[in-house]
């Protein structure tokens, strides 16, 4: 039977490969990459809320 989930939270080989690719593409330290990606993730819901408020004001 094929297991549906890996026993670890993530595949360590895949996570190392993703981290290496991001480091190669961006060229920042790990803490800077965490900050940039975190800001991008926070910007998405903030952008949705801003669009909602602007759309609601425009509809009134």
PDB file of N, CA and C in Angstrom:
ATOM      1  N   UNK A   1       0.832  -1.175   0.000  1.00  0.00           N
ATOM      2  CA  UNK A   1       0.000   0.000   0.000  1.00  0.00           C
ATOM      3  C   UNK A   1       0.883   1.247   0.000  1.00  0.00           C
ATOM      4  N   UNK A   2       0.508   2.244  -0.778  1.00  0.00           N
ATOM      5  CA  UNK A   2       1.263   3.489  -0.863  1.00  0.00           C
ATOM      6  C   UNK A   2       0.778   4.425   0.235  1.00  0.00           C
ATOM      7  N   UNK A   3       1.696   4.926   1.072  1.00  0.00           N
ATOM      8  CA  UNK A   3       1.257   5.865   2.123  1.00  0.00           C
ATOM      9  C   UNK A   3       0.806   7.189   1.511  1.00  0.00           C
ATOM     10  N   UNK A   4      -0.238   7.758   2.091  1.00  0.00           N
ATOM     11  CA  UNK A   4      -0.784   9.004   1.571  1.00  0.00           C
ATOM     12  C   UNK A   4      -0.035  10.223   2.083  1.00  0.00           C
ATOM     13  N   UNK A   5       0.663  10.090   3.198  1.00  0.00           N
ATOM     14  CA  UNK A   5       1.349  11.225   3.797  1.00  0.00           C
ATOM     15  C   UNK A   5       2.764  10.833   4.190  1.00  0.00           C
ATOM     16  N   UNK A   6       3.654  11.775   4.104  1.00  0.00           N
ATOM     17  CA  UNK A   6       5.016  11.585   4.584  1.00  0.00           C
ATOM     18  C   UNK A   6       4.997  11.706   6.096  1.00  0.00           C
ATOM     19  N   UNK A   7       5.859  10.965   6.794  1.00  0.00           N
ATOM     20  CA  UNK A   7       5.835  10.997   8.254  1.00  0.00           C
ATOM     21  C   UNK A   7       6.309  12.333   8.831  1.00  0.00           C
ATOM     22  N   UNK A   8       7.068  13.093   8.076  1.00  0.00           N
ATOM     23  CA  UNK A   8       7.539  14.407   8.516  1.00  0.00           C
ATOM     24  C   UNK A   8       6.556  15.480   8.022  1.00  0.00           C
ATOM     25  N   UNK A   9       6.585  16.679   8.627  1.00  0.00           N
ATOM     26  CA  UNK A   9       5.694  17.757   8.167  1.00  0.00           C
ATOM     27  C   UNK A   9       5.914  18.104   6.689  1.00  0.00           C
ATOM     28  N   UNK A  10       7.098  17.884   6.194  1.00  0.00           N
ATOM     29  CA  UNK A  10       7.396  18.119   4.785  1.00  0.00           C
ATOM     30  C   UNK A  10       8.543  17.215   4.367  1.00  0.00           C
ATOM     31  N   UNK A  11       8.632  16.954   3.089  1.00  0.00           N
ATOM     32  CA  UNK A  11       9.717  16.133   2.585  1.00  0.00           C
ATOM     33  C   UNK A  11      11.022  16.917   2.715  1.00  0.00           C
ATOM     34  N   UNK A  12      11.963  16.459   3.524  1.00  0.00           N
ATOM     35  CA  UNK A  12      13.190  17.225   3.761  1.00  0.00           C
ATOM     36  C   UNK A  12      13.988  17.487   2.487  1.00  0.00           C
ATOM     37  N   UNK A  13      14.014  16.528   1.572  1.00  0.00           N
ATOM     38  CA  UNK A  13      14.750  16.715   0.326  1.00  0.00           C
ATOM     39  C   UNK A  13      14.102  17.806  -0.515  1.00  0.00           C
ATOM     40  N   UNK A  14      12.790  17.792  -0.611  1.00  0.00           N
ATOM     41  CA  UNK A  14      12.073  18.801  -1.382  1.00  0.00           C
ATOM     42  C   UNK A  14      12.217  20.179  -0.740  1.00  0.00           C
ATOM     43  N   UNK A  15      12.075  20.260   0.581  1.00  0.00           N
ATOM     44  CA  UNK A  15      12.210  21.542   1.266  1.00  0.00           C
ATOM     45  C   UNK A  15      13.607  22.121   1.105  1.00  0.00           C
ATOM     46  N   UNK A  16      14.645  21.289   1.159  1.00  0.00           N
ATOM     47  CA  UNK A  16      16.020  21.766   0.959  1.00  0.00           C
ATOM     48  C   UNK A  16      16.192  22.284  -0.468  1.00  0.00           C
ATOM     49  N   UNK A  17      15.607  21.561  -1.460  1.00  0.00           N
ATOM     50  CA  UNK A  17      15.699  21.983  -2.855  1.00  0.00           C
ATOM     51  C   UNK A  17      14.996  23.327  -3.069  1.00  0.00           C
ATOM     52  N   UNK A  18      13.796  23.489  -2.486  1.00  0.00           N
ATOM     53  CA  UNK A  18      13.064  24.753  -2.607  1.00  0.00           C
ATOM     54  C   UNK A  18      13.856  25.888  -1.968  1.00  0.00           C
ATOM     55  N   UNK A  19      14.420  25.642  -0.789  1.00  0.00           N
ATOM     56  CA  UNK A  19      15.215  26.665  -0.105  1.00  0.00           C
ATOM     57  C   UNK A  19      16.444  27.038  -0.931  1.00  0.00           C
ATOM     58  N   UNK A  20      17.103  26.060  -1.522  1.00  0.00           N
ATOM     59  CA  UNK A  20      18.271  26.343  -2.371  1.00  0.00           C
ATOM     60  C   UNK A  20      17.881  27.162  -3.597  1.00  0.00           C
ATOM     61  N   UNK A  21      16.750  26.829  -4.225  1.00  0.00           N
ATOM     62  CA  UNK A  21      16.295  27.566  -5.408  1.00  0.00           C
ATOM     63  C   UNK A  21      15.956  29.014  -5.048  1.00  0.00           C
ATOM     64  N   UNK A  22      15.239  29.217  -3.933  1.00  0.00           N
ATOM     65  CA  UNK A  22      14.902  30.572  -3.516  1.00  0.00           C
ATOM     66  C   UNK A  22      16.157  31.373  -3.194  1.00  0.00           C
ATOM     67  N   UNK A  23      17.115  30.739  -2.534  1.00  0.00           N
ATOM     68  CA  UNK A  23      18.362  31.420  -2.213  1.00  0.00           C
ATOM     69  C   UNK A  23      19.109  31.800  -3.480  1.00  0.00           C
ATOM     70  N   UNK A  24      19.107  30.915  -4.455  1.00  0.00           N
ATOM     71  CA  UNK A  24      19.787  31.185  -5.724  1.00  0.00           C
ATOM     72  C   UNK A  24      19.082  32.304  -6.503  1.00  0.00           C
ATOM     73  N   UNK A  25      17.754  32.295  -6.529  1.00  0.00           N
ATOM     74  CA  UNK A  25      17.009  33.296  -7.298  1.00  0.00           C
ATOM     75  C   UNK A  25      17.010  34.662  -6.630  1.00  0.00           C
ATOM     76  N   UNK A  26      16.811  34.697  -5.321  1.00  0.00           N
ATOM     77  CA  UNK A  26      16.671  35.965  -4.622  1.00  0.00           C
ATOM     78  C   UNK A  26      18.022  36.471  -4.127  1.00  0.00           C
ATOM     79  N   UNK A  27      18.853  35.591  -3.628  1.00  0.00           N
ATOM     80  CA  UNK A  27      20.178  35.967  -3.160  1.00  0.00           C
ATOM     81  C   UNK A  27      20.190  36.711  -1.837  1.00  0.00           C
ATOM     82  N   UNK A  28      19.166  36.536  -1.014  1.00  0.00           N
ATOM     83  CA  UNK A  28      19.104  37.180   0.292  1.00  0.00           C
ATOM     84  C   UNK A  28      19.384  36.158   1.378  1.00  0.00           C
ATOM     85  N   UNK A  29      19.646  36.668   2.581  1.00  0.00           N
ATOM     86  CA  UNK A  29      19.793  35.773   3.722  1.00  0.00           C
ATOM     87  C   UNK A  29      18.437  35.157   4.058  1.00  0.00           C
ATOM     88  N   UNK A  30      18.470  34.090   4.836  1.00  0.00           N
ATOM     89  CA  UNK A  30      17.232  33.377   5.171  1.00  0.00           C
ATOM     90  C   UNK A  30      16.244  34.276   5.906  1.00  0.00           C
ATOM     91  N   UNK A  31      16.721  35.081   6.841  1.00  0.00           N
ATOM     92  CA  UNK A  31      15.807  35.950   7.590  1.00  0.00           C
ATOM     93  C   UNK A  31      15.177  37.010   6.685  1.00  0.00           C
ATOM     94  N   UNK A  32      15.933  37.513   5.726  1.00  0.00           N
ATOM     95  CA  UNK A  32      15.386  38.496   4.792  1.00  0.00           C
ATOM     96  C   UNK A  32      14.337  37.861   3.886  1.00  0.00           C
ATOM     97  N   UNK A  33      14.580  36.614   3.466  1.00  0.00           N
ATOM     98  CA  UNK A  33      13.600  35.922   2.628  1.00  0.00           C
ATOM     99  C   UNK A  33      12.312  35.681   3.405  1.00  0.00           C
ATOM    100  N   UNK A  34      12.428  35.305   4.675  1.00  0.00           N
ATOM    101  CA  UNK A  34      11.237  35.093   5.509  1.00  0.00           C
ATOM    102  C   UNK A  34      10.452  36.386   5.630  1.00  0.00           C
ATOM    103  N   UNK A  35      11.149  37.492   5.818  1.00  0.00           N
ATOM    104  CA  UNK A  35      10.492  38.788   5.931  1.00  0.00           C
ATOM    105  C   UNK A  35       9.778  39.165   4.635  1.00  0.00           C
ATOM    106  N   UNK A  36      10.438  39.004   3.498  1.00  0.00           N
ATOM    107  CA  UNK A  36       9.836  39.354   2.208  1.00  0.00           C
ATOM    108  C   UNK A  36       8.622  38.482   1.919  1.00  0.00           C
ATOM    109  N   UNK A  37       8.759  37.182   2.089  1.00  0.00           N
ATOM    110  CA  UNK A  37       7.645  36.273   1.811  1.00  0.00           C
ATOM    111  C   UNK A  37       6.500  36.529   2.791  1.00  0.00           C
ATOM    112  N   UNK A  38       6.827  36.803   4.058  1.00  0.00           N
ATOM    113  CA  UNK A  38       5.790  37.128   5.043  1.00  0.00           C
ATOM    114  C   UNK A  38       5.035  38.389   4.684  1.00  0.00           C
ATOM    115  N   UNK A  39       5.753  39.407   4.222  1.00  0.00           N
ATOM    116  CA  UNK A  39       5.091  40.645   3.808  1.00  0.00           C
ATOM    117  C   UNK A  39       4.183  40.428   2.599  1.00  0.00           C
ATOM    118  N   UNK A  40       4.623  39.600   1.684  1.00  0.00           N
ATOM    119  CA  UNK A  40       3.785  39.280   0.515  1.00  0.00           C
ATOM    120  C   UNK A  40       2.518  38.561   0.969  1.00  0.00           C
ATOM    121  N   UNK A  41       2.678  37.611   1.888  1.00  0.00           N
ATOM    122  CA  UNK A  41       1.511  36.866   2.373  1.00  0.00           C
ATOM    123  C   UNK A  41       0.547  37.772   3.132  1.00  0.00           C
ATOM    124  N   UNK A  42       1.058  38.749   3.845  1.00  0.00           N
ATOM    125  CA  UNK A  42       0.187  39.687   4.545  1.00  0.00           C
ATOM    126  C   UNK A  42      -0.460  40.693   3.593  1.00  0.00           C
ATOM    127  N   UNK A  43       0.220  41.010   2.511  1.00  0.00           N
ATOM    128  CA  UNK A  43      -0.303  41.987   1.555  1.00  0.00           C
ATOM    129  C   UNK A  43      -1.533  41.462   0.813  1.00  0.00           C
ATOM    130  N   UNK A  44      -1.634  40.169   0.649  1.00  0.00           N
ATOM    131  CA  UNK A  44      -2.763  39.599  -0.092  1.00  0.00           C
ATOM    132  C   UNK A  44      -4.091  39.862   0.623  1.00  0.00           C
ATOM    133  N   UNK A  45      -4.265  39.487   1.899  1.00  0.00           N
ATOM    134  CA  UNK A  45      -5.552  39.784   2.545  1.00  0.00           C
ATOM    135  C   UNK A  45      -5.781  41.282   2.734  1.00  0.00           C
ATOM    136  N   UNK A  46      -4.719  42.046   2.964  1.00  0.00           N
ATOM    137  CA  UNK A  46      -4.880  43.493   3.095  1.00  0.00           C
ATOM    138  C   UNK A  46      -5.387  44.070   1.777  1.00  0.00           C
ATOM    139  N   UNK A  47      -4.847  43.610   0.669  1.00  0.00           N
ATOM    140  CA  UNK A  47      -5.309  44.063  -0.645  1.00  0.00           C
ATOM    141  C   UNK A  47      -6.763  43.702  -0.894  1.00  0.00           C
ATOM    142  N   UNK A  48      -7.161  42.521  -0.463  1.00  0.00           N
ATOM    143  CA  UNK A  48      -8.557  42.104  -0.622  1.00  0.00           C
ATOM    144  C   UNK A  48      -9.473  42.997   0.210  1.00  0.00           C
ATOM    145  N   UNK A  49      -9.064  43.296   1.441  1.00  0.00           N
ATOM    146  CA  UNK A  49      -9.878  44.169   2.296  1.00  0.00           C
ATOM    147  C   UNK A  49      -9.976  45.581   1.726  1.00  0.00           C
ATOM    148  N   UNK A  50      -8.887  46.111   1.201  1.00  0.00           N
ATOM    149  CA  UNK A  50      -8.906  47.451   0.589  1.00  0.00           C
ATOM    150  C   UNK A  50      -9.837  47.457  -0.617  1.00  0.00           C
ATOM    151  N   UNK A  51      -9.753  46.440  -1.453  1.00  0.00           N
ATOM    152  CA  UNK A  51     -10.633  46.359  -2.617  1.00  0.00           C
ATOM    153  C   UNK A  51     -12.097  46.266  -2.190  1.00  0.00           C
ATOM    154  N   UNK A  52     -12.380  45.515  -1.139  1.00  0.00           N
ATOM    155  CA  UNK A  52     -13.745  45.391  -0.640  1.00  0.00           C
ATOM    156  C   UNK A  52     -14.268  46.734  -0.157  1.00  0.00           C
ATOM    157  N   UNK A  53     -13.458  47.451   0.632  1.00  0.00           N
ATOM    158  CA  UNK A  53     -13.888  48.756   1.156  1.00  0.00           C
ATOM    159  C   UNK A  53     -14.102  49.744   0.025  1.00  0.00           C
ATOM    160  N   UNK A  54     -13.178  49.787  -0.923  1.00  0.00           N
ATOM    161  CA  UNK A  54     -13.340  50.712  -2.058  1.00  0.00           C
ATOM    162  C   UNK A  54     -14.569  50.372  -2.890  1.00  0.00           C
ATOM    163  N   UNK A  55     -14.815  49.080  -3.089  1.00  0.00           N
ATOM    164  CA  UNK A  55     -15.982  48.658  -3.859  1.00  0.00           C
ATOM    165  C   UNK A  55     -17.267  48.991  -3.112  1.00  0.00           C
ATOM    166  N   UNK A  56     -17.257  48.832  -1.792  1.00  0.00           N
ATOM    167  CA  UNK A  56     -18.438  49.136  -0.996  1.00  0.00           C
ATOM    168  C   UNK A  56     -18.753  50.632  -1.007  1.00  0.00           C
ATOM    169  N   UNK A  57     -17.724  51.458  -0.922  1.00  0.00           N
ATOM    170  CA  UNK A  57     -17.918  52.909  -0.983  1.00  0.00           C
ATOM    171  C   UNK A  57     -18.446  53.341  -2.351  1.00  0.00           C
ATOM    172  N   UNK A  58     -17.926  52.690  -3.395  1.00  0.00           N
ATOM    173  CA  UNK A  58     -18.344  53.023  -4.756  1.00  0.00           C
ATOM    174  C   UNK A  58     -19.801  52.607  -5.018  1.00  0.00           C
ATOM    175  N   UNK A  59     -20.249  51.515  -4.383  1.00  0.00           N
ATOM    176  CA  UNK A  59     -21.603  51.013  -4.591  1.00  0.00           C
ATOM    177  C   UNK A  59     -22.648  51.853  -3.892  1.00  0.00           C
ATOM    178  N   UNK A  60     -22.258  52.623  -2.892  1.00  0.00           N
ATOM    179  CA  UNK A  60     -23.231  53.431  -2.138  1.00  0.00           C
ATOM    180  C   UNK A  60     -23.611  54.689  -2.850  1.00  0.00           C
TER     181      UNK A  60
END
